[in-house]
Amino acid sequence: MKGPMQGWPKDLIDLDQLSEQQITQVLDAALAFKEVSEREIKKVPVLRGKLVVLFFHENSTRTRLSFETAAKRLSADTLALSSSGSSMSKGETLLDTARNILAMRPDALVIRHGAAGAPSFLGERLPIPVLNAGDGPHAHPTQGLLDLMTLREAKGRIRGLKVAVVGDIAHSRVARSNMVGLVRMGAEVRVAGPPSMLCPGIAEEYGVKVFNRVEPALDGADAVIMLRIQLERQSGSLFPGAREYARVYGLDAAKAALMAPDSVILHPGPVNQGVEMTPEIYGAPNSLILEQVTNGVAVRMALLCLMVDPPESGIPPRS
């Protein structure tokens, strides 16, 4: 195992570890790997003989399948493990489980965990690259990267874009990683949501503009990232109800009309249609929600290639 490229962190915990140049490198590599996914034979031998462990302690569909697809398209072997199917359900600690996984000589560990800090905890104790696939309300760096890729493809750039992030900001790891990544890449970020779902001091900490109403955040925006309400991470009811939330903060045709004429709509999924957005908006021509899923595979291929065992010519040339 060579480990990550020189200048790269051993582990990917959040986007604040990466410079603008490194993020650009990931996006450029992902674009090349996206073309691989469009070929008749959707495989390259970049990680042949490598083992990537997918340890998902929280339920996941998109992220787990995306990482698994990415690893297999790089010709790596995968080992999938969930908390219900591991000895953790019998009382084994996270570190003991990880050490037992390490005894199988994997080359990388992808982990999703409900506790913020779990990927960092393992990264400090394991010699292999650890990639954060979402840890509690803390971070989701690969989602942030795929959103950046989707925006750059659609708009041709990120710097100077006005991007609104709307919804349950306080409990969303996607919001945190997107704020970090977008600001680092030069976008103007506006966040909006109910006061009970906004973090104190968020404007100063992340360099974003904060609104209690969605309309001023959407005014003239080039893009909006709508967020799912994180009911599983809320300690109590933070809004009157789904119908009232949809009326005030959900994206419908009238609110979307406030955005720039060539604006685009993103959502990390799963989408609660009729709450975060209307079915009309979900299926609109400028909705890039399914394109985000496609780009997720490409971004994770790029990261695995760059961090696990980066060959000098492993990233395929663009045709």
C-alpha atoms as a PDB file:
ATOM      1  CA  MET A   1       0.000   0.000   0.000  1.00  0.00           C
ATOM      2  CA  LYS A   2       1.443   3.356  -1.015  1.00  0.00           C
ATOM      3  CA  GLY A   3      -1.119   5.489   0.768  1.00  0.00           C
ATOM      4  CA  PRO A   4      -2.509   8.842  -0.375  1.00  0.00           C
ATOM      5  CA  MET A   5      -0.695  11.142  -2.757  1.00  0.00           C
ATOM      6  CA  GLN A   6       1.972  13.430  -1.374  1.00  0.00           C
ATOM      7  CA  GLY A   7       0.412  16.467   0.287  1.00  0.00           C
ATOM      8  CA  TRP A   8      -2.895  14.713   0.834  1.00  0.00           C
ATOM      9  CA  PRO A   9      -4.242  13.794   4.277  1.00  0.00           C
ATOM     10  CA  LYS A  10      -4.168  10.086   5.064  1.00  0.00           C
ATOM     11  CA  ASP A  11      -7.891  10.175   5.847  1.00  0.00           C
ATOM     12  CA  LEU A  12     -10.804  12.152   4.444  1.00  0.00           C
ATOM     13  CA  ILE A  13     -12.868  13.359   7.388  1.00  0.00           C
ATOM     14  CA  ASP A  14     -14.233  16.621   5.961  1.00  0.00           C
ATOM     15  CA  LEU A  15     -13.546  19.112   3.190  1.00  0.00           C
ATOM     16  CA  ASP A  16     -11.722  21.555   5.449  1.00  0.00           C
ATOM     17  CA  GLN A  17      -8.723  19.228   5.039  1.00  0.00           C
ATOM     18  CA  LEU A  18      -8.502  19.908   1.305  1.00  0.00           C
ATOM     19  CA  SER A  19      -7.243  23.017  -0.439  1.00  0.00           C
ATOM     20  CA  GLU A  20      -9.013  24.558  -3.406  1.00  0.00           C
ATOM     21  CA  GLN A  21      -6.392  22.936  -5.653  1.00  0.00           C
ATOM     22  CA  GLN A  22      -6.960  19.500  -4.127  1.00  0.00           C
ATOM     23  CA  ILE A  23     -10.735  19.793  -4.474  1.00  0.00           C
ATOM     24  CA  THR A  24     -10.236  20.791  -8.108  1.00  0.00           C
ATOM     25  CA  GLN A  25      -7.997  17.744  -8.566  1.00  0.00           C
ATOM     26  CA  VAL A  26     -10.759  15.486  -7.257  1.00  0.00           C
ATOM     27  CA  LEU A  27     -13.362  17.091  -9.536  1.00  0.00           C
ATOM     28  CA  ASP A  28     -11.101  16.812 -12.594  1.00  0.00           C
ATOM     29  CA  ALA A  29     -10.385  13.146 -11.848  1.00  0.00           C
ATOM     30  CA  ALA A  30     -14.083  12.484 -11.246  1.00  0.00           C
ATOM     31  CA  LEU A  31     -14.925  13.906 -14.654  1.00  0.00           C
ATOM     32  CA  ALA A  32     -12.544  11.414 -16.249  1.00  0.00           C
ATOM     33  CA  PHE A  33     -14.013   8.536 -14.244  1.00  0.00           C
ATOM     34  CA  LYS A  34     -17.529   9.595 -15.176  1.00  0.00           C
ATOM     35  CA  GLU A  35     -16.626   8.846 -18.769  1.00  0.00           C
ATOM     36  CA  VAL A  36     -15.499   5.366 -17.687  1.00  0.00           C
ATOM     37  CA  SER A  37     -18.983   4.790 -16.259  1.00  0.00           C
ATOM     38  CA  GLU A  38     -20.479   5.617 -19.651  1.00  0.00           C
ATOM     39  CA  ARG A  39     -18.440   3.007 -21.521  1.00  0.00           C
ATOM     40  CA  GLU A  40     -19.751  -0.410 -22.504  1.00  0.00           C
ATOM     41  CA  ILE A  41     -17.209  -2.001 -20.154  1.00  0.00           C
ATOM     42  CA  LYS A  42     -17.385   0.081 -17.001  1.00  0.00           C
ATOM     43  CA  LYS A  43     -14.150  -1.048 -15.362  1.00  0.00           C
ATOM     44  CA  VAL A  44     -10.539   0.055 -15.148  1.00  0.00           C
ATOM     45  CA  PRO A  45      -7.788  -1.961 -13.392  1.00  0.00           C
ATOM     46  CA  VAL A  46      -6.621   0.904 -11.152  1.00  0.00           C
ATOM     47  CA  LEU A  47      -7.201  -0.883  -7.822  1.00  0.00           C
ATOM     48  CA  ARG A  48      -7.015  -4.501  -8.936  1.00  0.00           C
ATOM     49  CA  GLY A  49      -6.024  -6.651  -5.972  1.00  0.00           C
ATOM     50  CA  LYS A  50      -7.005  -4.011  -3.403  1.00  0.00           C
ATOM     51  CA  LEU A  51      -9.635  -4.554  -0.695  1.00  0.00           C
ATOM     52  CA  VAL A  52     -12.020  -1.769   0.331  1.00  0.00           C
ATOM     53  CA  VAL A  53     -14.092  -2.370   3.471  1.00  0.00           C
ATOM     54  CA  LEU A  54     -17.496  -0.667   3.612  1.00  0.00           C
ATOM     55  CA  PHE A  55     -18.482  -0.361   7.269  1.00  0.00           C
ATOM     56  CA  PHE A  56     -21.947   1.209   7.509  1.00  0.00           C
ATOM     57  CA  HIS A  57     -23.073   1.503  11.105  1.00  0.00           C
ATOM     58  CA  GLU A  58     -26.058   3.618   9.944  1.00  0.00           C
ATOM     59  CA  ASN A  59     -28.605   2.715   7.289  1.00  0.00           C
ATOM     60  CA  SER A  60     -27.715   3.906   3.810  1.00  0.00           C
ATOM     61  CA  THR A  61     -28.731   3.223   0.234  1.00  0.00           C
ATOM     62  CA  ARG A  62     -27.238   5.819  -2.103  1.00  0.00           C
ATOM     63  CA  THR A  63     -23.897   6.302  -0.363  1.00  0.00           C
ATOM     64  CA  ARG A  64     -23.254   2.617   0.320  1.00  0.00           C
ATOM     65  CA  LEU A  65     -24.160   1.510  -3.200  1.00  0.00           C
ATOM     66  CA  SER A  66     -22.216   4.418  -4.667  1.00  0.00           C
ATOM     67  CA  PHE A  67     -18.999   3.526  -2.812  1.00  0.00           C
ATOM     68  CA  GLU A  68     -19.435  -0.158  -3.645  1.00  0.00           C
ATOM     69  CA  THR A  69     -19.993   0.610  -7.321  1.00  0.00           C
ATOM     70  CA  ALA A  70     -17.003   2.971  -7.346  1.00  0.00           C
ATOM     71  CA  ALA A  71     -14.684   0.372  -5.827  1.00  0.00           C
ATOM     72  CA  LYS A  72     -15.828  -2.371  -8.208  1.00  0.00           C
ATOM     73  CA  ARG A  73     -15.443  -0.136 -11.257  1.00  0.00           C
ATOM     74  CA  LEU A  74     -11.842   0.381 -10.149  1.00  0.00           C
ATOM     75  CA  SER A  75     -11.528  -3.445 -10.019  1.00  0.00           C
ATOM     76  CA  ALA A  76     -11.137  -3.507  -6.216  1.00  0.00           C
ATOM     77  CA  ASP A  77     -12.670  -6.185  -4.024  1.00  0.00           C
ATOM     78  CA  THR A  78     -15.206  -5.029  -1.441  1.00  0.00           C
ATOM     79  CA  LEU A  79     -16.238  -6.295   1.960  1.00  0.00           C
ATOM     80  CA  ALA A  80     -19.530  -4.878   3.265  1.00  0.00           C
ATOM     81  CA  LEU A  81     -20.274  -4.812   6.975  1.00  0.00           C
ATOM     82  CA  SER A  82     -23.226  -3.362   8.900  1.00  0.00           C
ATOM     83  CA  SER A  83     -23.640  -2.931  12.642  1.00  0.00           C
ATOM     84  CA  SER A  84     -26.467  -5.484  12.751  1.00  0.00           C
ATOM     85  CA  GLY A  85     -24.274  -8.025  11.014  1.00  0.00           C
ATOM     86  CA  SER A  86     -21.155  -7.398  13.085  1.00  0.00           C
ATOM     87  CA  SER A  87     -20.005  -8.267  16.592  1.00  0.00           C
ATOM     88  CA  MET A  88     -20.800  -4.701  17.643  1.00  0.00           C
ATOM     89  CA  SER A  89     -24.360  -5.921  18.092  1.00  0.00           C
ATOM     90  CA  LYS A  90     -22.896  -8.289  20.726  1.00  0.00           C
ATOM     91  CA  GLY A  91     -21.073  -5.536  22.584  1.00  0.00           C
ATOM     92  CA  GLU A  92     -17.758  -5.336  20.717  1.00  0.00           C
ATOM     93  CA  THR A  93     -16.289  -1.833  20.635  1.00  0.00           C
ATOM     94  CA  LEU A  94     -15.832   0.178  17.460  1.00  0.00           C
ATOM     95  CA  LEU A  95     -12.055   0.013  17.779  1.00  0.00           C
ATOM     96  CA  ASP A  96     -12.022  -3.753  18.364  1.00  0.00           C
ATOM     97  CA  THR A  97     -14.213  -4.249  15.303  1.00  0.00           C
ATOM     98  CA  ALA A  98     -11.890  -2.061  13.251  1.00  0.00           C
ATOM     99  CA  ARG A  99      -8.820  -3.968  14.477  1.00  0.00           C
ATOM    100  CA  ASN A 100     -10.413  -7.243  13.449  1.00  0.00           C
ATOM    101  CA  ILE A 101     -11.186  -5.774  10.036  1.00  0.00           C
ATOM    102  CA  LEU A 102      -7.580  -4.597   9.807  1.00  0.00           C
ATOM    103  CA  ALA A 103      -6.394  -8.172  10.413  1.00  0.00           C
ATOM    104  CA  MET A 104      -7.930  -9.027   7.022  1.00  0.00           C
ATOM    105  CA  ARG A 105      -5.382  -6.636   5.447  1.00  0.00           C
ATOM    106  CA  PRO A 106      -7.734  -4.182   3.730  1.00  0.00           C
ATOM    107  CA  ASP A 107      -6.365  -1.191   1.842  1.00  0.00           C
ATOM    108  CA  ALA A 108      -9.046   1.316   2.863  1.00  0.00           C
ATOM    109  CA  LEU A 109     -11.976   1.657   5.220  1.00  0.00           C
ATOM    110  CA  VAL A 110     -15.148   3.567   4.311  1.00  0.00           C
ATOM    111  CA  ILE A 111     -17.259   4.233   7.391  1.00  0.00           C
ATOM    112  CA  ARG A 112     -20.662   5.732   8.122  1.00  0.00           C
ATOM    113  CA  HIS A 113     -21.480   6.100  11.792  1.00  0.00           C
ATOM    114  CA  GLY A 114     -24.118   7.812  13.875  1.00  0.00           C
ATOM    115  CA  ALA A 115     -21.542   9.290  16.253  1.00  0.00           C
ATOM    116  CA  ALA A 116     -19.772  12.450  15.146  1.00  0.00           C
ATOM    117  CA  GLY A 117     -16.032  11.871  15.239  1.00  0.00           C
ATOM    118  CA  ALA A 118     -16.064   8.102  14.692  1.00  0.00           C
ATOM    119  CA  PRO A 119     -14.151   8.253  11.361  1.00  0.00           C
ATOM    120  CA  SER A 120     -11.558  10.599  12.882  1.00  0.00           C
ATOM    121  CA  PHE A 121     -11.216   8.282  15.899  1.00  0.00           C
ATOM    122  CA  LEU A 122     -10.440   5.313  13.646  1.00  0.00           C
ATOM    123  CA  GLY A 123      -8.250   7.306  11.296  1.00  0.00           C
ATOM    124  CA  GLU A 124      -5.949   8.240  14.170  1.00  0.00           C
ATOM    125  CA  ARG A 125      -5.572   4.581  15.143  1.00  0.00           C
ATOM    126  CA  LEU A 126      -5.482   2.682  11.850  1.00  0.00           C
ATOM    127  CA  PRO A 127      -2.660   2.794   9.286  1.00  0.00           C
ATOM    128  CA  ILE A 128      -4.956   2.596   6.243  1.00  0.00           C
ATOM    129  CA  PRO A 129      -6.926   5.469   4.682  1.00  0.00           C
ATOM    130  CA  VAL A 130     -10.280   6.068   6.371  1.00  0.00           C
ATOM    131  CA  LEU A 131     -12.977   7.780   4.292  1.00  0.00           C
ATOM    132  CA  ASN A 132     -15.918   9.392   6.048  1.00  0.00           C
ATOM    133  CA  ALA A 133     -19.235   8.407   4.493  1.00  0.00           C
ATOM    134  CA  GLY A 134     -21.166  10.483   7.037  1.00  0.00           C
ATOM    135  CA  ASP A 135     -20.718  10.787  10.804  1.00  0.00           C
ATOM    136  CA  GLY A 136     -23.723  11.904  12.810  1.00  0.00           C
ATOM    137  CA  PRO A 137     -24.512  15.573  12.221  1.00  0.00           C
ATOM    138  CA  HIS A 138     -20.824  16.418  11.652  1.00  0.00           C
ATOM    139  CA  ALA A 139     -19.752  15.918   8.022  1.00  0.00           C
ATOM    140  CA  HIS A 140     -20.389  14.180   4.699  1.00  0.00           C
ATOM    141  CA  PRO A 141     -17.396  15.165   2.551  1.00  0.00           C
ATOM    142  CA  THR A 142     -18.095  12.979  -0.470  1.00  0.00           C
ATOM    143  CA  GLN A 143     -21.619  14.418  -0.732  1.00  0.00           C
ATOM    144  CA  GLY A 144     -20.089  17.883  -0.648  1.00  0.00           C
ATOM    145  CA  LEU A 145     -17.685  16.937  -3.446  1.00  0.00           C
ATOM    146  CA  LEU A 146     -20.359  15.422  -5.664  1.00  0.00           C
ATOM    147  CA  ASP A 147     -22.494  18.521  -5.202  1.00  0.00           C
ATOM    148  CA  LEU A 148     -19.521  20.666  -6.227  1.00  0.00           C
ATOM    149  CA  MET A 149     -19.012  18.477  -9.286  1.00  0.00           C
ATOM    150  CA  THR A 150     -22.682  18.725 -10.232  1.00  0.00           C
ATOM    151  CA  LEU A 151     -22.648  22.511  -9.892  1.00  0.00           C
ATOM    152  CA  ARG A 152     -19.431  22.890 -11.870  1.00  0.00           C
ATOM    153  CA  GLU A 153     -20.757  20.703 -14.684  1.00  0.00           C
ATOM    154  CA  ALA A 154     -24.047  22.593 -14.854  1.00  0.00           C
ATOM    155  CA  LYS A 155     -22.699  26.132 -14.480  1.00  0.00           C
ATOM    156  CA  GLY A 156     -19.145  25.808 -15.798  1.00  0.00           C
ATOM    157  CA  ARG A 157     -17.677  27.203 -12.581  1.00  0.00           C
ATOM    158  CA  ILE A 158     -18.160  27.440  -8.822  1.00  0.00           C
ATOM    159  CA  ARG A 159     -16.413  30.706  -7.984  1.00  0.00           C
ATOM    160  CA  GLY A 160     -18.884  33.579  -7.904  1.00  0.00           C
ATOM    161  CA  LEU A 161     -22.011  31.412  -7.875  1.00  0.00           C
ATOM    162  CA  LYS A 162     -24.805  32.348  -5.464  1.00  0.00           C
ATOM    163  CA  VAL A 163     -25.863  29.109  -3.796  1.00  0.00           C
ATOM    164  CA  ALA A 164     -28.720  28.782  -1.296  1.00  0.00           C
ATOM    165  CA  VAL A 165     -28.739  25.895   1.191  1.00  0.00           C
ATOM    166  CA  VAL A 166     -32.239  25.535   2.643  1.00  0.00           C
ATOM    167  CA  GLY A 167     -33.684  23.437   5.435  1.00  0.00           C
ATOM    168  CA  ASP A 168     -32.508  21.714   8.589  1.00  0.00           C
ATOM    169  CA  ILE A 169     -29.053  23.295   8.762  1.00  0.00           C
ATOM    170  CA  ALA A 170     -28.409  22.540  12.442  1.00  0.00           C
ATOM    171  CA  HIS A 171     -28.713  18.758  12.114  1.00  0.00           C
ATOM    172  CA  SER A 172     -27.365  18.273   8.587  1.00  0.00           C
ATOM    173  CA  ARG A 173     -23.871  16.931   7.907  1.00  0.00           C
ATOM    174  CA  VAL A 174     -24.501  17.639   4.227  1.00  0.00           C
ATOM    175  CA  ALA A 175     -25.057  21.319   5.017  1.00  0.00           C
ATOM    176  CA  ARG A 176     -21.781  21.549   6.927  1.00  0.00           C
ATOM    177  CA  SER A 177     -19.675  19.914   4.231  1.00  0.00           C
ATOM    178  CA  ASN A 178     -21.359  21.938   1.500  1.00  0.00           C
ATOM    179  CA  MET A 179     -20.793  25.204   3.334  1.00  0.00           C
ATOM    180  CA  VAL A 180     -17.101  24.395   3.795  1.00  0.00           C
ATOM    181  CA  GLY A 181     -16.604  23.233   0.206  1.00  0.00           C
ATOM    182  CA  LEU A 182     -18.599  25.963  -1.510  1.00  0.00           C
ATOM    183  CA  VAL A 183     -16.959  28.795   0.433  1.00  0.00           C
ATOM    184  CA  ARG A 184     -13.505  27.317  -0.174  1.00  0.00           C
ATOM    185  CA  MET A 185     -14.228  27.195  -3.900  1.00  0.00           C
ATOM    186  CA  GLY A 186     -15.340  30.834  -3.968  1.00  0.00           C
ATOM    187  CA  ALA A 187     -19.141  30.621  -3.993  1.00  0.00           C
ATOM    188  CA  GLU A 188     -21.436  32.995  -2.112  1.00  0.00           C
ATOM    189  CA  VAL A 189     -23.390  30.763   0.249  1.00  0.00           C
ATOM    190  CA  ARG A 190     -26.781  31.675   1.693  1.00  0.00           C
ATOM    191  CA  VAL A 191     -28.409  29.439   4.277  1.00  0.00           C
ATOM    192  CA  ALA A 192     -32.062  29.573   5.240  1.00  0.00           C
ATOM    193  CA  GLY A 193     -34.322  27.647   7.563  1.00  0.00           C
ATOM    194  CA  PRO A 194     -36.514  27.925  10.633  1.00  0.00           C
ATOM    195  CA  PRO A 195     -34.695  29.704  13.495  1.00  0.00           C
ATOM    196  CA  SER A 196     -34.877  26.445  15.484  1.00  0.00           C
ATOM    197  CA  MET A 197     -32.882  24.712  12.707  1.00  0.00           C
ATOM    198  CA  LEU A 198     -30.090  27.266  12.378  1.00  0.00           C
ATOM    199  CA  CYS A 199     -26.826  27.020  14.318  1.00  0.00           C
ATOM    200  CA  PRO A 200     -25.793  29.991  16.477  1.00  0.00           C
ATOM    201  CA  GLY A 201     -22.721  31.708  15.078  1.00  0.00           C
ATOM    202  CA  ILE A 202     -22.968  29.928  11.734  1.00  0.00           C
ATOM    203  CA  ALA A 203     -22.334  33.100   9.703  1.00  0.00           C
ATOM    204  CA  GLU A 204     -19.034  33.803  11.460  1.00  0.00           C
ATOM    205  CA  GLU A 205     -17.888  30.177  11.605  1.00  0.00           C
ATOM    206  CA  TYR A 206     -18.527  29.293   7.962  1.00  0.00           C
ATOM    207  CA  GLY A 207     -18.533  32.646   6.183  1.00  0.00           C
ATOM    208  CA  VAL A 208     -22.122  32.369   4.961  1.00  0.00           C
ATOM    209  CA  LYS A 209     -25.165  34.643   4.884  1.00  0.00           C
ATOM    210  CA  VAL A 210     -28.020  33.531   7.153  1.00  0.00           C
ATOM    211  CA  PHE A 211     -31.760  34.067   6.582  1.00  0.00           C
ATOM    212  CA  ASN A 212     -34.801  33.042   8.613  1.00  0.00           C
ATOM    213  CA  ARG A 213     -36.937  33.157   5.465  1.00  0.00           C
ATOM    214  CA  VAL A 214     -36.294  31.290   2.253  1.00  0.00           C
ATOM    215  CA  GLU A 215     -37.314  34.034  -0.216  1.00  0.00           C
ATOM    216  CA  PRO A 216     -34.322  36.379   0.298  1.00  0.00           C
ATOM    217  CA  ALA A 217     -31.944  33.421   0.166  1.00  0.00           C
ATOM    218  CA  LEU A 218     -33.385  32.333  -3.194  1.00  0.00           C
ATOM    219  CA  ASP A 219     -33.495  35.830  -4.699  1.00  0.00           C
ATOM    220  CA  GLY A 220     -31.227  35.716  -7.765  1.00  0.00           C
ATOM    221  CA  ALA A 221     -29.584  32.449  -6.652  1.00  0.00           C
ATOM    222  CA  ASP A 222     -27.793  30.361  -9.277  1.00  0.00           C
ATOM    223  CA  ALA A 223     -28.488  27.135  -7.383  1.00  0.00           C
ATOM    224  CA  VAL A 224     -30.316  25.804  -4.364  1.00  0.00           C
ATOM    225  CA  ILE A 225     -29.508  22.731  -2.287  1.00  0.00           C
ATOM    226  CA  MET A 226     -32.638  21.607  -0.464  1.00  0.00           C
ATOM    227  CA  LEU A 227     -32.104  19.517   2.671  1.00  0.00           C
ATOM    228  CA  ARG A 228     -34.098  16.711   4.229  1.00  0.00           C
ATOM    229  CA  ILE A 229     -35.515  17.367   7.706  1.00  0.00           C
ATOM    230  CA  GLN A 230     -33.357  15.259  10.038  1.00  0.00           C
ATOM    231  CA  LEU A 231     -36.113  13.964  12.311  1.00  0.00           C
ATOM    232  CA  GLU A 232     -33.874  11.163  13.610  1.00  0.00           C
ATOM    233  CA  ARG A 233     -31.381  13.721  14.975  1.00  0.00           C
ATOM    234  CA  GLN A 234     -33.868  16.133  16.551  1.00  0.00           C
ATOM    235  CA  SER A 235     -34.568  15.926  20.260  1.00  0.00           C
ATOM    236  CA  GLY A 236     -38.071  17.383  19.880  1.00  0.00           C
ATOM    237  CA  SER A 237     -40.446  19.022  17.442  1.00  0.00           C
ATOM    238  CA  LEU A 238     -38.701  22.062  15.959  1.00  0.00           C
ATOM    239  CA  PHE A 239     -41.485  23.140  13.583  1.00  0.00           C
ATOM    240  CA  PRO A 240     -45.306  23.097  13.636  1.00  0.00           C
ATOM    241  CA  GLY A 241     -45.721  20.299  11.112  1.00  0.00           C
ATOM    242  CA  ALA A 242     -44.851  19.034   7.640  1.00  0.00           C
ATOM    243  CA  ARG A 243     -47.641  20.997   5.945  1.00  0.00           C
ATOM    244  CA  GLU A 244     -46.602  24.288   7.557  1.00  0.00           C
ATOM    245  CA  TYR A 245     -42.922  23.612   6.833  1.00  0.00           C
ATOM    246  CA  ALA A 246     -43.722  22.918   3.178  1.00  0.00           C
ATOM    247  CA  ARG A 247     -45.712  26.136   2.910  1.00  0.00           C
ATOM    248  CA  VAL A 248     -43.016  28.353   4.419  1.00  0.00           C
ATOM    249  CA  TYR A 249     -39.744  26.637   3.533  1.00  0.00           C
ATOM    250  CA  GLY A 250     -40.555  24.071   0.846  1.00  0.00           C
ATOM    251  CA  LEU A 251     -39.533  24.805  -2.739  1.00  0.00           C
ATOM    252  CA  ASP A 252     -42.466  25.310  -5.091  1.00  0.00           C
ATOM    253  CA  ALA A 253     -42.871  27.037  -8.446  1.00  0.00           C
ATOM    254  CA  ALA A 254     -43.486  30.454  -6.895  1.00  0.00           C
ATOM    255  CA  LYS A 255     -40.319  30.359  -4.781  1.00  0.00           C
ATOM    256  CA  ALA A 256     -38.252  28.844  -7.594  1.00  0.00           C
ATOM    257  CA  ALA A 257     -39.255  31.795  -9.801  1.00  0.00           C
ATOM    258  CA  LEU A 258     -37.236  34.044  -7.508  1.00  0.00           C
ATOM    259  CA  MET A 259     -34.018  32.354  -8.592  1.00  0.00           C
ATOM    260  CA  ALA A 260     -31.870  33.208 -11.611  1.00  0.00           C
ATOM    261  CA  PRO A 261     -33.414  32.134 -14.944  1.00  0.00           C
ATOM    262  CA  ASP A 262     -30.765  29.432 -15.512  1.00  0.00           C
ATOM    263  CA  SER A 263     -30.700  28.209 -11.913  1.00  0.00           C
ATOM    264  CA  VAL A 264     -30.405  24.546 -10.877  1.00  0.00           C
ATOM    265  CA  ILE A 265     -31.892  22.498  -8.035  1.00  0.00           C
ATOM    266  CA  LEU A 266     -30.056  19.907  -5.936  1.00  0.00           C
ATOM    267  CA  HIS A 267     -31.022  17.624  -3.048  1.00  0.00           C
ATOM    268  CA  PRO A 268     -28.857  14.950  -1.362  1.00  0.00           C
ATOM    269  CA  GLY A 269     -31.801  12.558  -1.023  1.00  0.00           C
ATOM    270  CA  PRO A 270     -33.921  10.899   0.003  1.00  0.00           C
ATOM    271  CA  VAL A 271     -36.441  13.555  -1.028  1.00  0.00           C
ATOM    272  CA  ASN A 272     -39.682  13.973   0.889  1.00  0.00           C
ATOM    273  CA  GLN A 273     -41.781  15.198  -2.034  1.00  0.00           C
ATOM    274  CA  GLY A 274     -44.442  17.583  -0.872  1.00  0.00           C
ATOM    275  CA  VAL A 275     -42.315  18.682   2.102  1.00  0.00           C
ATOM    276  CA  GLU A 276     -38.894  19.915   0.949  1.00  0.00           C
ATOM    277  CA  MET A 277     -40.158  20.402  -2.593  1.00  0.00           C
ATOM    278  CA  THR A 278     -43.217  19.793  -4.717  1.00  0.00           C
ATOM    279  CA  PRO A 279     -43.316  16.903  -7.207  1.00  0.00           C
ATOM    280  CA  GLU A 280     -43.337  19.546  -9.963  1.00  0.00           C
ATOM    281  CA  ILE A 281     -39.985  20.886  -8.772  1.00  0.00           C
ATOM    282  CA  TYR A 282     -38.518  17.400  -8.256  1.00  0.00           C
ATOM    283  CA  GLY A 283     -39.165  16.536 -11.896  1.00  0.00           C
ATOM    284  CA  ALA A 284     -38.325  19.938 -13.382  1.00  0.00           C
ATOM    285  CA  PRO A 285     -35.769  20.146 -16.230  1.00  0.00           C
ATOM    286  CA  ASN A 286     -33.358  22.068 -13.996  1.00  0.00           C
ATOM    287  CA  SER A 287     -33.537  19.469 -11.216  1.00  0.00           C
ATOM    288  CA  LEU A 288     -30.150  17.706 -11.026  1.00  0.00           C
ATOM    289  CA  ILE A 289     -31.021  15.247  -8.263  1.00  0.00           C
ATOM    290  CA  LEU A 290     -30.443  12.105 -10.327  1.00  0.00           C
ATOM    291  CA  GLU A 291     -27.311  13.621 -11.874  1.00  0.00           C
ATOM    292  CA  GLN A 292     -25.987  13.959  -8.324  1.00  0.00           C
ATOM    293  CA  VAL A 293     -26.320  10.185  -7.919  1.00  0.00           C
ATOM    294  CA  THR A 294     -24.388   9.580 -11.138  1.00  0.00           C
ATOM    295  CA  ASN A 295     -21.680  12.016 -10.098  1.00  0.00           C
ATOM    296  CA  GLY A 296     -21.429  10.389  -6.681  1.00  0.00           C
ATOM    297  CA  VAL A 297     -19.966   7.233  -8.212  1.00  0.00           C
ATOM    298  CA  ALA A 298     -17.433   9.249 -10.218  1.00  0.00           C
ATOM    299  CA  VAL A 299     -16.326  11.322  -7.202  1.00  0.00           C
ATOM    300  CA  ARG A 300     -15.858   8.236  -5.050  1.00  0.00           C
ATOM    301  CA  MET A 301     -13.891   6.524  -7.808  1.00  0.00           C
ATOM    302  CA  ALA A 302     -11.619   9.564  -7.931  1.00  0.00           C
ATOM    303  CA  LEU A 303     -11.127   9.614  -4.154  1.00  0.00           C
ATOM    304  CA  LEU A 304     -10.384   5.900  -3.904  1.00  0.00           C
ATOM    305  CA  CYS A 305      -7.893   6.220  -6.734  1.00  0.00           C
ATOM    306  CA  LEU A 306      -6.181   9.262  -5.223  1.00  0.00           C
ATOM    307  CA  MET A 307      -6.106   8.036  -1.621  1.00  0.00           C
ATOM    308  CA  VAL A 308      -5.768   4.262  -1.688  1.00  0.00           C
ATOM    309  CA  ASP A 309      -3.003   3.547  -4.177  1.00  0.00           C
ATOM    310  CA  PRO A 310      -2.546   6.359  -6.675  1.00  0.00           C
ATOM    311  CA  PRO A 311      -0.681   5.127  -9.767  1.00  0.00           C
ATOM    312  CA  GLU A 312       0.985   7.783 -11.874  1.00  0.00           C
ATOM    313  CA  SER A 313      -1.308   7.022 -14.813  1.00  0.00           C
ATOM    314  CA  GLY A 314      -4.257   5.481 -12.988  1.00  0.00           C
ATOM    315  CA  ILE A 315      -6.724   8.252 -13.785  1.00  0.00           C
ATOM    316  CA  PRO A 316      -7.976   7.564 -17.308  1.00  0.00           C
ATOM    317  CA  PRO A 317      -7.474  10.271 -19.909  1.00  0.00           C
ATOM    318  CA  ARG A 318     -10.567  12.148 -20.995  1.00  0.00           C
ATOM    319  CA  SER A 319     -11.689  11.246 -24.490  1.00  0.00           C
END
